[in-house]
Amino acid sequence: MNKQKLRRKIRVRKKIKGTEYRPRLSVFRSNRFIYAQLINDEEGKTMIGISEKHLSEKTKLKKKEMAKALGVMLA
C-alpha cells in the first residue's frame, strides 16, 4: 500500500467507527469495477459487500448510473 493511501486510512479510521446499527461504508473504485462494503468495526466484520458484478442488469450503463444502482442495492 502506498504511503498516501495508508496515511489517509489511518486518519479516517481514527475518526470514524462503524457499529452494528450504523456501519461504516467503504468504497473502492478500480479501473473496471466499483466495490462497496458495510463494516461493523466493533466486531471487526464486514456485514455486506457488493460490486458491479452483483447487478442483474448486464447492459451497458454509464458509471453514474452504475454507482446509483449499487447504492440502491446496498440500501
N, C-alpha and C. Protein backbone atom coordinates (compact mmCIF):
# COMPACT_ATOMS: atom_id res chain seq x y z
N MET A 1 0.86 -1.17 0.00
CA MET A 1 0.00 0.00 0.00
C MET A 1 0.90 1.24 0.00
N ASN A 2 0.59 2.22 -0.84
CA ASN A 2 1.48 3.37 -0.87
C ASN A 2 1.25 4.27 0.35
N LYS A 3 2.20 5.15 0.62
CA LYS A 3 2.21 5.93 1.87
C LYS A 3 1.00 6.85 2.00
N GLN A 4 0.61 7.51 0.90
CA GLN A 4 -0.54 8.42 0.98
C GLN A 4 -1.82 7.68 1.34
N LYS A 5 -2.02 6.54 0.73
CA LYS A 5 -3.23 5.76 0.99
C LYS A 5 -3.25 5.26 2.44
N LEU A 6 -2.10 4.83 2.93
CA LEU A 6 -2.01 4.35 4.30
C LEU A 6 -2.26 5.47 5.30
N ARG A 7 -1.70 6.66 5.05
CA ARG A 7 -1.92 7.80 5.93
C ARG A 7 -3.39 8.19 5.97
N ARG A 8 -4.03 8.21 4.79
CA ARG A 8 -5.45 8.56 4.71
C ARG A 8 -6.28 7.54 5.48
N LYS A 9 -5.94 6.27 5.34
CA LYS A 9 -6.67 5.20 6.03
C LYS A 9 -6.58 5.39 7.55
N ILE A 10 -5.38 5.65 8.05
CA ILE A 10 -5.18 5.84 9.50
C ILE A 10 -5.93 7.07 9.98
N ARG A 11 -5.87 8.15 9.23
CA ARG A 11 -6.54 9.40 9.62
C ARG A 11 -8.05 9.22 9.69
N VAL A 12 -8.62 8.56 8.70
CA VAL A 12 -10.06 8.36 8.66
C VAL A 12 -10.50 7.39 9.75
N ARG A 13 -9.77 6.31 9.94
CA ARG A 13 -10.16 5.29 10.91
C ARG A 13 -10.09 5.79 12.35
N LYS A 14 -9.28 6.85 12.61
CA LYS A 14 -9.24 7.44 13.95
C LYS A 14 -10.57 8.10 14.28
N LYS A 15 -11.21 8.69 13.27
CA LYS A 15 -12.42 9.47 13.49
C LYS A 15 -13.70 8.66 13.32
N ILE A 16 -13.70 7.70 12.40
CA ILE A 16 -14.93 7.00 12.03
C ILE A 16 -14.89 5.56 12.51
N LYS A 17 -15.88 5.18 13.29
CA LYS A 17 -16.02 3.81 13.77
C LYS A 17 -17.42 3.32 13.40
N GLY A 18 -17.51 2.16 12.79
CA GLY A 18 -18.79 1.59 12.43
C GLY A 18 -19.34 0.74 13.55
N THR A 19 -20.65 0.77 13.75
CA THR A 19 -21.31 -0.07 14.74
C THR A 19 -22.31 -0.97 14.02
N GLU A 20 -22.96 -1.82 14.80
CA GLU A 20 -23.95 -2.72 14.21
C GLU A 20 -25.13 -1.92 13.65
N TYR A 21 -25.50 -0.84 14.35
CA TYR A 21 -26.66 -0.05 13.95
C TYR A 21 -26.31 1.04 12.95
N ARG A 22 -25.05 1.45 12.93
CA ARG A 22 -24.61 2.45 11.97
C ARG A 22 -23.24 2.04 11.44
N PRO A 23 -23.21 1.15 10.45
CA PRO A 23 -21.93 0.64 9.95
C PRO A 23 -21.18 1.67 9.11
N ARG A 24 -19.89 1.44 9.00
CA ARG A 24 -19.03 2.29 8.18
C ARG A 24 -19.13 1.83 6.74
N LEU A 25 -19.23 2.79 5.82
CA LEU A 25 -19.28 2.48 4.40
C LEU A 25 -17.89 2.65 3.80
N SER A 26 -17.42 1.62 3.15
CA SER A 26 -16.12 1.65 2.49
C SER A 26 -16.34 1.43 1.00
N VAL A 27 -15.83 2.34 0.18
CA VAL A 27 -15.98 2.25 -1.27
C VAL A 27 -14.61 2.17 -1.91
N PHE A 28 -14.45 1.24 -2.85
CA PHE A 28 -13.20 1.09 -3.60
C PHE A 28 -13.53 1.12 -5.07
N ARG A 29 -12.82 1.97 -5.81
CA ARG A 29 -13.03 2.04 -7.25
C ARG A 29 -11.78 1.57 -7.97
N SER A 30 -11.93 0.54 -8.76
CA SER A 30 -10.83 0.11 -9.61
C SER A 30 -11.09 0.68 -11.00
N ASN A 31 -10.24 0.37 -11.94
CA ASN A 31 -10.46 0.86 -13.30
C ASN A 31 -11.68 0.21 -13.95
N ARG A 32 -12.05 -0.97 -13.49
CA ARG A 32 -13.16 -1.69 -14.11
C ARG A 32 -14.43 -1.70 -13.28
N PHE A 33 -14.32 -1.80 -11.96
CA PHE A 33 -15.49 -2.00 -11.13
C PHE A 33 -15.52 -1.07 -9.93
N ILE A 34 -16.70 -0.98 -9.30
CA ILE A 34 -16.88 -0.26 -8.04
C ILE A 34 -17.29 -1.29 -7.00
N TYR A 35 -16.66 -1.25 -5.83
CA TYR A 35 -16.96 -2.17 -4.74
C TYR A 35 -17.39 -1.35 -3.53
N ALA A 36 -18.37 -1.85 -2.78
CA ALA A 36 -18.84 -1.16 -1.57
C ALA A 36 -19.04 -2.19 -0.46
N GLN A 37 -18.69 -1.79 0.78
CA GLN A 37 -18.84 -2.66 1.93
C GLN A 37 -19.43 -1.88 3.09
N LEU A 38 -20.26 -2.55 3.90
CA LEU A 38 -20.71 -2.01 5.17
C LEU A 38 -19.98 -2.79 6.25
N ILE A 39 -19.28 -2.07 7.13
CA ILE A 39 -18.37 -2.71 8.08
C ILE A 39 -18.75 -2.37 9.52
N ASN A 40 -18.80 -3.40 10.37
CA ASN A 40 -19.01 -3.24 11.80
C ASN A 40 -17.62 -3.30 12.46
N ASP A 41 -17.10 -2.17 12.91
CA ASP A 41 -15.76 -2.12 13.49
C ASP A 41 -15.71 -2.69 14.91
N GLU A 42 -16.84 -2.72 15.60
CA GLU A 42 -16.85 -3.28 16.96
C GLU A 42 -16.50 -4.76 16.94
N GLU A 43 -17.04 -5.49 15.96
CA GLU A 43 -16.75 -6.92 15.85
C GLU A 43 -15.66 -7.20 14.83
N GLY A 44 -15.32 -6.20 14.02
CA GLY A 44 -14.30 -6.38 13.00
C GLY A 44 -14.77 -7.24 11.84
N LYS A 45 -16.06 -7.11 11.50
CA LYS A 45 -16.63 -7.94 10.44
C LYS A 45 -17.29 -7.08 9.37
N THR A 46 -17.24 -7.58 8.14
CA THR A 46 -17.96 -6.97 7.04
C THR A 46 -19.37 -7.50 7.05
N MET A 47 -20.34 -6.59 7.15
CA MET A 47 -21.74 -7.00 7.20
C MET A 47 -22.25 -7.40 5.82
N ILE A 48 -21.92 -6.60 4.82
CA ILE A 48 -22.33 -6.89 3.45
C ILE A 48 -21.32 -6.24 2.50
N GLY A 49 -21.08 -6.90 1.41
CA GLY A 49 -20.19 -6.37 0.39
C GLY A 49 -20.77 -6.62 -0.99
N ILE A 50 -20.80 -5.59 -1.82
CA ILE A 50 -21.34 -5.74 -3.17
C ILE A 50 -20.41 -5.09 -4.17
N SER A 51 -20.60 -5.45 -5.42
CA SER A 51 -19.85 -4.83 -6.51
C SER A 51 -20.73 -4.81 -7.74
N GLU A 52 -20.21 -4.23 -8.81
CA GLU A 52 -20.96 -4.17 -10.06
C GLU A 52 -21.24 -5.57 -10.59
N LYS A 53 -20.44 -6.52 -10.20
CA LYS A 53 -20.64 -7.90 -10.66
C LYS A 53 -21.95 -8.48 -10.14
N HIS A 54 -22.47 -7.96 -9.03
CA HIS A 54 -23.69 -8.47 -8.42
C HIS A 54 -24.96 -7.91 -9.05
N LEU A 55 -24.83 -6.92 -9.92
CA LEU A 55 -26.02 -6.35 -10.54
C LEU A 55 -26.59 -7.32 -11.56
N SER A 56 -27.91 -7.44 -11.57
CA SER A 56 -28.55 -8.37 -12.50
C SER A 56 -28.56 -7.79 -13.92
N GLU A 57 -28.52 -6.48 -14.02
CA GLU A 57 -28.53 -5.85 -15.34
C GLU A 57 -27.14 -5.93 -15.94
N LYS A 58 -27.01 -6.63 -17.02
CA LYS A 58 -25.71 -6.74 -17.68
C LYS A 58 -25.60 -5.80 -18.87
N THR A 59 -26.48 -4.80 -18.92
CA THR A 59 -26.44 -3.85 -20.02
C THR A 59 -25.33 -2.85 -19.80
N LYS A 60 -25.04 -2.11 -20.80
CA LYS A 60 -24.01 -1.08 -20.72
C LYS A 60 -24.58 0.17 -20.07
N LEU A 61 -24.31 0.34 -18.79
CA LEU A 61 -24.72 1.53 -18.06
C LEU A 61 -23.52 2.44 -17.91
N LYS A 62 -23.79 3.72 -17.81
CA LYS A 62 -22.71 4.67 -17.56
C LYS A 62 -22.29 4.54 -16.10
N LYS A 63 -21.11 5.07 -15.78
CA LYS A 63 -20.56 4.95 -14.42
C LYS A 63 -21.51 5.53 -13.37
N LYS A 64 -22.11 6.69 -13.65
CA LYS A 64 -23.01 7.32 -12.69
C LYS A 64 -24.24 6.44 -12.45
N GLU A 65 -24.78 5.90 -13.52
CA GLU A 65 -25.96 5.04 -13.39
C GLU A 65 -25.62 3.75 -12.63
N MET A 66 -24.43 3.22 -12.89
CA MET A 66 -23.99 2.00 -12.21
C MET A 66 -23.81 2.28 -10.71
N ALA A 67 -23.21 3.41 -10.36
CA ALA A 67 -23.00 3.75 -8.96
C ALA A 67 -24.33 3.96 -8.25
N LYS A 68 -25.28 4.58 -8.92
CA LYS A 68 -26.60 4.79 -8.33
C LYS A 68 -27.29 3.45 -8.10
N ALA A 69 -27.22 2.54 -9.04
CA ALA A 69 -27.82 1.22 -8.89
C ALA A 69 -27.19 0.45 -7.72
N LEU A 70 -25.87 0.59 -7.56
CA LEU A 70 -25.19 -0.07 -6.43
C LEU A 70 -25.65 0.52 -5.10
N GLY A 71 -25.81 1.84 -5.06
CA GLY A 71 -26.27 2.50 -3.84
C GLY A 71 -27.67 2.05 -3.45
N VAL A 72 -28.54 1.94 -4.44
CA VAL A 72 -29.93 1.48 -4.19
C VAL A 72 -29.88 0.04 -3.71
N MET A 73 -29.06 -0.79 -4.32
CA MET A 73 -28.96 -2.19 -3.93
C MET A 73 -28.40 -2.33 -2.51
N LEU A 74 -27.44 -1.50 -2.17
CA LEU A 74 -26.84 -1.54 -0.84
C LEU A 74 -27.82 -1.08 0.24
N ALA A 75 -28.62 -0.08 -0.09
CA ALA A 75 -29.60 0.44 0.87
C ALA A 75 -30.68 -0.58 1.13
